[in-house]
C-alpha atoms as a PDB file:
ATOM      1  CA  MET A   1      28.342  14.339 -13.630  1.00  0.00           C
ATOM      2  CA  ALA A   2      28.365  14.192  -9.851  1.00  0.00           C
ATOM      3  CA  GLY A   3      26.088  17.202  -9.601  1.00  0.00           C
ATOM      4  CA  HIS A   4      23.713  15.796 -12.194  1.00  0.00           C
ATOM      5  CA  SER A   5      23.650  12.445 -10.441  1.00  0.00           C
ATOM      6  CA  GLN A   6      22.938  14.103  -7.092  1.00  0.00           C
ATOM      7  CA  PHE A   7      20.095  16.106  -8.633  1.00  0.00           C
ATOM      8  CA  LYS A   8      18.547  12.928 -10.049  1.00  0.00           C
ATOM      9  CA  ASN A   9      18.880  11.271  -6.657  1.00  0.00           C
ATOM     10  CA  ILE A  10      17.142  14.186  -4.933  1.00  0.00           C
ATOM     11  CA  MET A  11      14.338  14.116  -7.485  1.00  0.00           C
ATOM     12  CA  TYR A  12      13.958  10.355  -7.055  1.00  0.00           C
ATOM     13  CA  ARG A  13      13.759  10.664  -3.290  1.00  0.00           C
ATOM     14  CA  LYS A  14      11.223  13.470  -3.549  1.00  0.00           C
ATOM     15  CA  GLY A  15       9.149  11.365  -5.939  1.00  0.00           C
ATOM     16  CA  ALA A  16       9.262   8.435  -3.549  1.00  0.00           C
ATOM     17  CA  GLN A  17       8.251  10.653  -0.632  1.00  0.00           C
ATOM     18  CA  ASP A  18       5.395  12.176  -2.637  1.00  0.00           C
ATOM     19  CA  ALA A  19       4.174   8.700  -3.609  1.00  0.00           C
ATOM     20  CA  LYS A  20       4.277   7.550   0.014  1.00  0.00           C
ATOM     21  CA  ARG A  21       2.437  10.681   1.121  1.00  0.00           C
ATOM     22  CA  ALA A  22      -0.263  10.049  -1.485  1.00  0.00           C
ATOM     23  CA  LYS A  23      -0.729   6.491  -0.207  1.00  0.00           C
ATOM     24  CA  VAL A  24      -1.041   7.707   3.373  1.00  0.00           C
ATOM     25  CA  PHE A  25      -3.661  10.233   2.284  1.00  0.00           C
ATOM     26  CA  THR A  26      -5.584   7.509   0.413  1.00  0.00           C
ATOM     27  CA  LYS A  27      -5.754   5.343   3.537  1.00  0.00           C
ATOM     28  CA  LEU A  28      -6.774   8.259   5.738  1.00  0.00           C
ATOM     29  CA  GLN A  29      -9.462   9.403   3.294  1.00  0.00           C
ATOM     30  CA  ARG A  30     -10.967   5.919   3.272  1.00  0.00           C
ATOM     31  CA  GLU A  31     -11.062   5.818   7.058  1.00  0.00           C
ATOM     32  CA  ILE A  32     -12.751   9.236   7.151  1.00  0.00           C
ATOM     33  CA  THR A  33     -15.332   8.138   4.582  1.00  0.00           C
ATOM     34  CA  VAL A  34     -16.141   4.886   6.411  1.00  0.00           C
ATOM     35  CA  ALA A  35     -16.255   6.656   9.781  1.00  0.00           C
ATOM     36  CA  ALA A  36     -18.657   9.276   8.382  1.00  0.00           C
ATOM     37  CA  ARG A  37     -20.902   6.564   6.922  1.00  0.00           C
ATOM     38  CA  THR A  38     -21.036   4.444  10.074  1.00  0.00           C
ATOM     39  CA  GLY A  39     -22.124   7.387  12.221  1.00  0.00           C
ATOM     40  CA  LEU A  40     -23.105  11.009  11.901  1.00  0.00           C
ATOM     41  CA  PRO A  41     -20.973  13.070   9.466  1.00  0.00           C
ATOM     42  CA  GLU A  42     -20.260  15.535  12.273  1.00  0.00           C
ATOM     43  CA  PRO A  43     -16.962  15.078  14.178  1.00  0.00           C
ATOM     44  CA  ASP A  44     -18.324  16.312  17.512  1.00  0.00           C
ATOM     45  CA  LYS A  45     -21.034  13.615  17.399  1.00  0.00           C
ATOM     46  CA  ASN A  46     -18.948  10.819  15.864  1.00  0.00           C
ATOM     47  CA  PRO A  47     -15.830   9.778  17.857  1.00  0.00           C
ATOM     48  CA  ARG A  48     -14.467   7.536  15.093  1.00  0.00           C
ATOM     49  CA  LEU A  49     -14.729  10.343  12.563  1.00  0.00           C
ATOM     50  CA  ARG A  50     -13.158  12.759  15.027  1.00  0.00           C
ATOM     51  CA  ALA A  51     -10.198  10.408  15.495  1.00  0.00           C
ATOM     52  CA  ALA A  52      -9.846   9.925  11.726  1.00  0.00           C
ATOM     53  CA  ILE A  53      -9.804  13.671  11.098  1.00  0.00           C
ATOM     54  CA  GLN A  54      -7.256  14.148  13.873  1.00  0.00           C
ATOM     55  CA  ALA A  55      -4.993  11.538  12.247  1.00  0.00           C
ATOM     56  CA  ALA A  56      -5.403  13.252   8.874  1.00  0.00           C
ATOM     57  CA  ARG A  57      -4.464  16.633  10.305  1.00  0.00           C
ATOM     58  CA  LYS A  58      -1.434  15.109  11.997  1.00  0.00           C
ATOM     59  CA  ALA A  59      -0.356  13.799   8.580  1.00  0.00           C
ATOM     60  CA  SER A  60      -0.793  17.337   7.157  1.00  0.00           C
ATOM     61  CA  MET A  61      -3.663  16.344   4.874  1.00  0.00           C
ATOM     62  CA  PRO A  62      -5.243  19.436   3.255  1.00  0.00           C
ATOM     63  CA  LYS A  63      -8.631  20.444   4.625  1.00  0.00           C
ATOM     64  CA  ASP A  64     -10.175  20.089   1.144  1.00  0.00           C
ATOM     65  CA  ASN A  65      -9.216  16.404   1.078  1.00  0.00           C
ATOM     66  CA  ILE A  66     -10.860  15.849   4.457  1.00  0.00           C
ATOM     67  CA  ASP A  67     -14.030  17.661   3.394  1.00  0.00           C
ATOM     68  CA  ARG A  68     -14.230  15.659   0.131  1.00  0.00           C
ATOM     69  CA  ALA A  69     -13.921  12.373   2.029  1.00  0.00           C
ATOM     70  CA  ILE A  70     -16.831  13.340   4.300  1.00  0.00           C
ATOM     71  CA  LYS A  71     -18.941  14.504   1.354  1.00  0.00           C
ATOM     72  CA  LYS A  72     -18.356  11.184  -0.435  1.00  0.00           C
ATOM     73  CA  ALA A  73     -19.892   9.401   2.522  1.00  0.00           C
ATOM     74  CA  ALA A  74     -22.873  11.734   2.596  1.00  0.00           C
ATOM     75  CA  GLY A  75     -23.370  11.329  -1.157  1.00  0.00           C
ATOM     76  CA  GLY A  76     -23.494   7.536  -0.933  1.00  0.00           C
ATOM     77  CA  ASP A  77     -21.531   7.045  -4.164  1.00  0.00           C
ATOM     78  CA  ALA A  78     -20.938   3.458  -5.236  1.00  0.00           C
ATOM     79  CA  ASP A  79     -17.176   3.982  -5.258  1.00  0.00           C
ATOM     80  CA  THR A  80     -17.222   4.808  -1.539  1.00  0.00           C
ATOM     81  CA  ASP A  81     -18.852   1.511  -0.542  1.00  0.00           C
ATOM     82  CA  PHE A  82     -15.873   0.271   1.463  1.00  0.00           C
ATOM     83  CA  VAL A  83     -16.061  -2.764   3.720  1.00  0.00           C
ATOM     84  CA  GLU A  84     -13.742  -3.683   6.570  1.00  0.00           C
ATOM     85  CA  MET A  85     -11.854  -6.947   6.079  1.00  0.00           C
ATOM     86  CA  ARG A  86      -9.351  -8.862   8.186  1.00  0.00           C
ATOM     87  CA  TYR A  87      -6.787 -11.319   6.813  1.00  0.00           C
ATOM     88  CA  GLU A  88      -4.633 -13.615   8.934  1.00  0.00           C
ATOM     89  CA  GLY A  89      -1.643 -15.780   8.175  1.00  0.00           C
ATOM     90  CA  TYR A  90       1.981 -16.609   8.837  1.00  0.00           C
ATOM     91  CA  GLY A  91       5.035 -14.832   7.478  1.00  0.00           C
ATOM     92  CA  PRO A  92       8.688 -15.907   7.382  1.00  0.00           C
ATOM     93  CA  ALA A  93       9.910 -17.745  10.504  1.00  0.00           C
ATOM     94  CA  GLY A  94       6.318 -18.538  11.441  1.00  0.00           C
ATOM     95  CA  VAL A  95       5.525 -14.962  12.489  1.00  0.00           C
ATOM     96  CA  ALA A  96       1.778 -14.430  12.936  1.00  0.00           C
ATOM     97  CA  VAL A  97       0.373 -11.542  10.894  1.00  0.00           C
ATOM     98  CA  ILE A  98      -3.000  -9.778  10.961  1.00  0.00           C
ATOM     99  CA  VAL A  99      -3.885  -7.456   8.068  1.00  0.00           C
ATOM    100  CA  GLU A 100      -6.803  -5.027   8.379  1.00  0.00           C
ATOM    101  CA  ALA A 101      -8.172  -3.481   5.201  1.00  0.00           C
ATOM    102  CA  LEU A 102     -10.838  -1.165   3.861  1.00  0.00           C
ATOM    103  CA  THR A 103     -11.782  -2.255   0.361  1.00  0.00           C
ATOM    104  CA  ASP A 104     -14.389  -1.705  -2.327  1.00  0.00           C
ATOM    105  CA  ASN A 105     -13.438  -5.026  -3.976  1.00  0.00           C
ATOM    106  CA  ARG A 106     -12.976  -8.008  -1.662  1.00  0.00           C
ATOM    107  CA  ASN A 107     -11.750 -10.368  -4.364  1.00  0.00           C
ATOM    108  CA  ARG A 108      -9.049  -7.950  -5.523  1.00  0.00           C
ATOM    109  CA  THR A 109      -7.784  -7.235  -2.036  1.00  0.00           C
ATOM    110  CA  ALA A 110      -7.774 -10.893  -0.984  1.00  0.00           C
ATOM    111  CA  ALA A 111      -5.820 -11.832  -4.117  1.00  0.00           C
ATOM    112  CA  GLU A 112      -3.284  -9.045  -3.597  1.00  0.00           C
ATOM    113  CA  VAL A 113      -2.764  -9.855   0.086  1.00  0.00           C
ATOM    114  CA  ARG A 114      -2.389 -13.587  -0.697  1.00  0.00           C
ATOM    115  CA  ALA A 115       0.149 -12.824  -3.436  1.00  0.00           C
ATOM    116  CA  LEU A 116       2.246 -10.719  -1.037  1.00  0.00           C
ATOM    117  CA  PHE A 117       2.249 -13.492   1.580  1.00  0.00           C
ATOM    118  CA  ASN A 118       3.267 -16.064  -1.029  1.00  0.00           C
ATOM    119  CA  LYS A 119       5.959 -13.863  -2.585  1.00  0.00           C
ATOM    120  CA  HIS A 120       7.765 -13.534   0.740  1.00  0.00           C
ATOM    121  CA  GLY A 121       7.465 -17.128   1.875  1.00  0.00           C
ATOM    122  CA  GLY A 122       4.354 -16.660   3.976  1.00  0.00           C
ATOM    123  CA  THR A 123       0.983 -18.379   4.001  1.00  0.00           C
ATOM    124  CA  LEU A 124      -2.407 -16.681   4.135  1.00  0.00           C
ATOM    125  CA  GLY A 125      -4.832 -18.605   6.351  1.00  0.00           C
ATOM    126  CA  GLU A 126      -8.468 -18.398   7.359  1.00  0.00           C
ATOM    127  CA  THR A 127      -9.866 -15.664   9.590  1.00  0.00           C
ATOM    128  CA  GLY A 128      -9.087 -16.746  13.147  1.00  0.00           C
ATOM    129  CA  SER A 129      -6.042 -18.793  12.204  1.00  0.00           C
ATOM    130  CA  VAL A 130      -3.672 -16.521  14.164  1.00  0.00           C
ATOM    131  CA  GLY A 131      -6.070 -14.215  16.005  1.00  0.00           C
ATOM    132  CA  PHE A 132      -5.792 -16.339  19.143  1.00  0.00           C
ATOM    133  CA  LEU A 133      -2.136 -15.261  19.394  1.00  0.00           C
ATOM    134  CA  PHE A 134      -3.208 -11.634  19.880  1.00  0.00           C
ATOM    135  CA  ASN A 135      -5.398  -9.648  22.216  1.00  0.00           C
ATOM    136  CA  GLN A 136      -7.435  -6.809  20.742  1.00  0.00           C
ATOM    137  CA  VAL A 137      -7.325  -3.762  22.994  1.00  0.00           C
ATOM    138  CA  GLY A 138      -8.167  -0.105  22.816  1.00  0.00           C
ATOM    139  CA  GLU A 139      -5.185   2.228  22.659  1.00  0.00           C
ATOM    140  CA  ILE A 140      -5.326   5.993  23.198  1.00  0.00           C
ATOM    141  CA  ALA A 141      -2.231   8.164  22.846  1.00  0.00           C
ATOM    142  CA  TYR A 142      -1.582  11.699  24.126  1.00  0.00           C
ATOM    143  CA  PRO A 143       1.532  13.850  23.685  1.00  0.00           C
ATOM    144  CA  ALA A 144       3.671  14.478  26.763  1.00  0.00           C
ATOM    145  CA  GLU A 145       2.547  18.110  26.913  1.00  0.00           C
ATOM    146  CA  ALA A 146      -1.135  17.134  27.256  1.00  0.00           C
ATOM    147  CA  ALA A 147      -0.684  16.687  31.021  1.00  0.00           C
ATOM    148  CA  ASP A 148       1.673  15.173  33.582  1.00  0.00           C
ATOM    149  CA  HIS A 149       1.598  11.476  34.413  1.00  0.00           C
ATOM    150  CA  ASP A 150      -0.475  11.856  37.586  1.00  0.00           C
ATOM    151  CA  THR A 151      -3.164  13.859  35.798  1.00  0.00           C
ATOM    152  CA  VAL A 152      -3.350  11.362  32.934  1.00  0.00           C
ATOM    153  CA  PHE A 153      -3.355   8.442  35.359  1.00  0.00           C
ATOM    154  CA  GLU A 154      -6.234   9.904  37.361  1.00  0.00           C
ATOM    155  CA  ALA A 155      -8.248  10.616  34.207  1.00  0.00           C
ATOM    156  CA  ALA A 156      -7.609   7.093  32.914  1.00  0.00           C
ATOM    157  CA  LEU A 157      -8.515   5.543  36.269  1.00  0.00           C
ATOM    158  CA  ASP A 158     -11.746   7.524  36.468  1.00  0.00           C
ATOM    159  CA  GLY A 159     -12.571   6.570  32.872  1.00  0.00           C
ATOM    160  CA  GLY A 160     -12.101   2.833  33.502  1.00  0.00           C
ATOM    161  CA  ALA A 161      -8.840   2.248  31.593  1.00  0.00           C
ATOM    162  CA  ASP A 162      -6.683  -0.807  32.249  1.00  0.00           C
ATOM    163  CA  ASN A 163      -3.209   0.699  32.039  1.00  0.00           C
ATOM    164  CA  VAL A 164      -1.208   3.889  31.478  1.00  0.00           C
ATOM    165  CA  GLU A 165       2.354   4.048  30.172  1.00  0.00           C
ATOM    166  CA  SER A 166       4.042   7.466  30.334  1.00  0.00           C
ATOM    167  CA  THR A 167       7.415   8.378  28.792  1.00  0.00           C
ATOM    168  CA  ASP A 168       9.143  11.575  27.716  1.00  0.00           C
ATOM    169  CA  GLN A 169       7.417  11.165  24.336  1.00  0.00           C
ATOM    170  CA  GLY A 170       3.865  10.866  25.635  1.00  0.00           C
ATOM    171  CA  HIS A 171       1.185   8.768  27.300  1.00  0.00           C
ATOM    172  CA  VAL A 172      -0.406   5.558  26.035  1.00  0.00           C
ATOM    173  CA  ILE A 173      -3.616   4.419  27.722  1.00  0.00           C
ATOM    174  CA  THR A 174      -4.825   0.853  27.221  1.00  0.00           C
ATOM    175  CA  THR A 175      -8.404  -0.375  27.634  1.00  0.00           C
ATOM    176  CA  ALA A 176     -10.392  -3.541  27.080  1.00  0.00           C
ATOM    177  CA  ALA A 177     -11.851  -3.554  23.561  1.00  0.00           C
ATOM    178  CA  ASP A 178     -15.412  -3.410  24.883  1.00  0.00           C
ATOM    179  CA  ASP A 179     -14.569  -0.390  27.064  1.00  0.00           C
ATOM    180  CA  PHE A 180     -12.662   1.536  24.386  1.00  0.00           C
ATOM    181  CA  ALA A 181     -15.380   3.996  23.307  1.00  0.00           C
ATOM    182  CA  ARG A 182     -16.381   4.836  26.885  1.00  0.00           C
ATOM    183  CA  VAL A 183     -12.790   5.353  28.057  1.00  0.00           C
ATOM    184  CA  ARG A 184     -11.877   7.392  24.965  1.00  0.00           C
ATOM    185  CA  ASP A 185     -14.837   9.729  25.526  1.00  0.00           C
ATOM    186  CA  ALA A 186     -13.983  10.138  29.215  1.00  0.00           C
ATOM    187  CA  LEU A 187     -10.366  10.965  28.405  1.00  0.00           C
ATOM    188  CA  GLU A 188     -11.371  13.462  25.723  1.00  0.00           C
ATOM    189  CA  ALA A 189     -13.609  15.208  28.232  1.00  0.00           C
ATOM    190  CA  ALA A 190     -10.713  15.431  30.698  1.00  0.00           C
ATOM    191  CA  LEU A 191      -7.685  15.909  28.431  1.00  0.00           C
ATOM    192  CA  GLY A 192      -8.952  16.970  25.024  1.00  0.00           C
ATOM    193  CA  THR A 193      -8.678  15.143  21.688  1.00  0.00           C
ATOM    194  CA  ALA A 194      -6.124  12.333  21.622  1.00  0.00           C
ATOM    195  CA  ASP A 195      -3.256  12.209  19.124  1.00  0.00           C
ATOM    196  CA  GLN A 196      -4.294   8.686  18.160  1.00  0.00           C
ATOM    197  CA  SER A 197      -6.980   6.284  19.271  1.00  0.00           C
ATOM    198  CA  GLY A 198      -8.298   2.975  18.049  1.00  0.00           C
ATOM    199  CA  LEU A 199      -8.440  -0.788  18.482  1.00  0.00           C
ATOM    200  CA  VAL A 200      -5.098  -2.536  18.035  1.00  0.00           C
ATOM    201  CA  TRP A 201      -3.864  -6.138  18.091  1.00  0.00           C
ATOM    202  CA  ARG A 202      -1.247  -6.799  20.768  1.00  0.00           C
ATOM    203  CA  PRO A 203       0.622 -10.124  20.586  1.00  0.00           C
ATOM    204  CA  LEU A 204       0.325 -12.445  23.573  1.00  0.00           C
ATOM    205  CA  THR A 205       3.678 -14.047  22.680  1.00  0.00           C
ATOM    206  CA  THR A 206       6.470 -13.086  20.284  1.00  0.00           C
ATOM    207  CA  THR A 207       8.560 -15.032  17.777  1.00  0.00           C
ATOM    208  CA  ALA A 208      12.308 -14.360  17.660  1.00  0.00           C
ATOM    209  CA  VAL A 209      13.551 -13.713  14.117  1.00  0.00           C
ATOM    210  CA  ASP A 210      17.190 -13.836  12.976  1.00  0.00           C
ATOM    211  CA  GLU A 211      18.707 -11.293  10.577  1.00  0.00           C
ATOM    212  CA  THR A 212      18.090 -13.255   7.374  1.00  0.00           C
ATOM    213  CA  GLN A 213      14.473 -13.976   8.251  1.00  0.00           C
ATOM    214  CA  ALA A 214      13.986 -10.430   9.537  1.00  0.00           C
ATOM    215  CA  GLU A 215      15.002  -8.893   6.219  1.00  0.00           C
ATOM    216  CA  THR A 216      12.409 -10.941   4.325  1.00  0.00           C
ATOM    217  CA  LEU A 217       9.761 -10.369   6.990  1.00  0.00           C
ATOM    218  CA  LEU A 218      10.205  -6.597   6.988  1.00  0.00           C
ATOM    219  CA  LYS A 219       9.991  -6.530   3.184  1.00  0.00           C
ATOM    220  CA  MET A 220       6.707  -8.433   3.388  1.00  0.00           C
ATOM    221  CA  LEU A 221       5.268  -6.163   6.080  1.00  0.00           C
ATOM    222  CA  ASP A 222       6.333  -3.064   4.128  1.00  0.00           C
ATOM    223  CA  ALA A 223       4.745  -4.437   0.945  1.00  0.00           C
ATOM    224  CA  LEU A 224       1.487  -5.151   2.779  1.00  0.00           C
ATOM    225  CA  ASP A 225       1.469  -1.705   4.369  1.00  0.00           C
ATOM    226  CA  ASP A 226       2.133  -0.167   0.944  1.00  0.00           C
ATOM    227  CA  ASN A 227      -1.093  -1.630  -0.461  1.00  0.00           C
ATOM    228  CA  ASP A 228      -3.776   1.055  -0.803  1.00  0.00           C
ATOM    229  CA  ASP A 229      -6.475  -1.179   0.690  1.00  0.00           C
ATOM    230  CA  VAL A 230      -4.472  -2.106   3.798  1.00  0.00           C
ATOM    231  CA  GLN A 231      -5.025   0.116   6.825  1.00  0.00           C
ATOM    232  CA  ARG A 232      -2.991  -1.655   9.516  1.00  0.00           C
ATOM    233  CA  VAL A 233      -0.603  -4.599   9.801  1.00  0.00           C
ATOM    234  CA  SER A 234       0.113  -6.333  13.121  1.00  0.00           C
ATOM    235  CA  ALA A 235       2.698  -9.066  13.700  1.00  0.00           C
ATOM    236  CA  ASN A 236       4.188 -10.880  16.706  1.00  0.00           C
ATOM    237  CA  PHE A 237       7.882 -10.773  15.766  1.00  0.00           C
ATOM    238  CA  GLU A 238      10.854  -9.891  17.940  1.00  0.00           C
ATOM    239  CA  ILE A 239      14.032  -8.591  16.295  1.00  0.00           C
ATOM    240  CA  ALA A 240      17.184  -7.677  18.217  1.00  0.00           C
ATOM    241  CA  ASP A 241      17.809  -3.920  18.343  1.00  0.00           C
ATOM    242  CA  GLU A 242      21.198  -4.142  16.629  1.00  0.00           C
ATOM    243  CA  VAL A 243      19.711  -6.212  13.802  1.00  0.00           C
ATOM    244  CA  MET A 244      16.846  -3.778  13.343  1.00  0.00           C
ATOM    245  CA  GLU A 245      19.289  -0.865  13.220  1.00  0.00           C
ATOM    246  CA  ARG A 246      21.304  -2.546  10.444  1.00  0.00           C
ATOM    247  CA  LEU A 247      18.246  -3.404   8.403  1.00  0.00           C
ATOM    248  CA  THR A 248      16.654   0.028   8.653  1.00  0.00           C
ATOM    249  CA  ALA A 249      19.825   2.108   8.306  1.00  0.00           C
END
């Protein structure tokens, strides 16, 4: 029985991983489609599309999936008419949460996001209700092997970036939101295509969350991130390292 049970467990885990992979691909395909529709369907002439394709390749998405997503945009099918939406609210312990989505049905997505907030003791508010607690910045990431810190720093300085953080894992360059496209293009010219690039919400202050609240909060954030329409979730929580280790073990 032990062997049979172990086999079932392996199959369950594989199924869960496959399902998660499919959701990641769905989100990436939507971003590629929207990027291709908002600019030229050619990566070398469309930085957003280039970044989306790079993210898809990093996630090991098959080339056929990428090509289909671009062709959907070019075809102008009704089912590819995605719009970008932002939802804001408070989660457990008063943590501020921003949810960014790409959806072809605003009413459905709003209802699903609201239900997830309510289910976990949160409250969905109006757009702008928590945005003032964050600063939107451009973030561009390169692997450590792209160049040494001095080279990256010089390229970022010349490109007009605000900050560079280098670790053994890589380099993260931060820019003002309005300067993002210009800095990204300058860095690509100097260092090549970035691993990741985009506008992100950085909290201006953080809210400390205890273990009980953290467990509920993380379940809510995971549920939001698991929604097909949701592209990114940002929150201003702070959880002690030892608590996070227990909850994610």
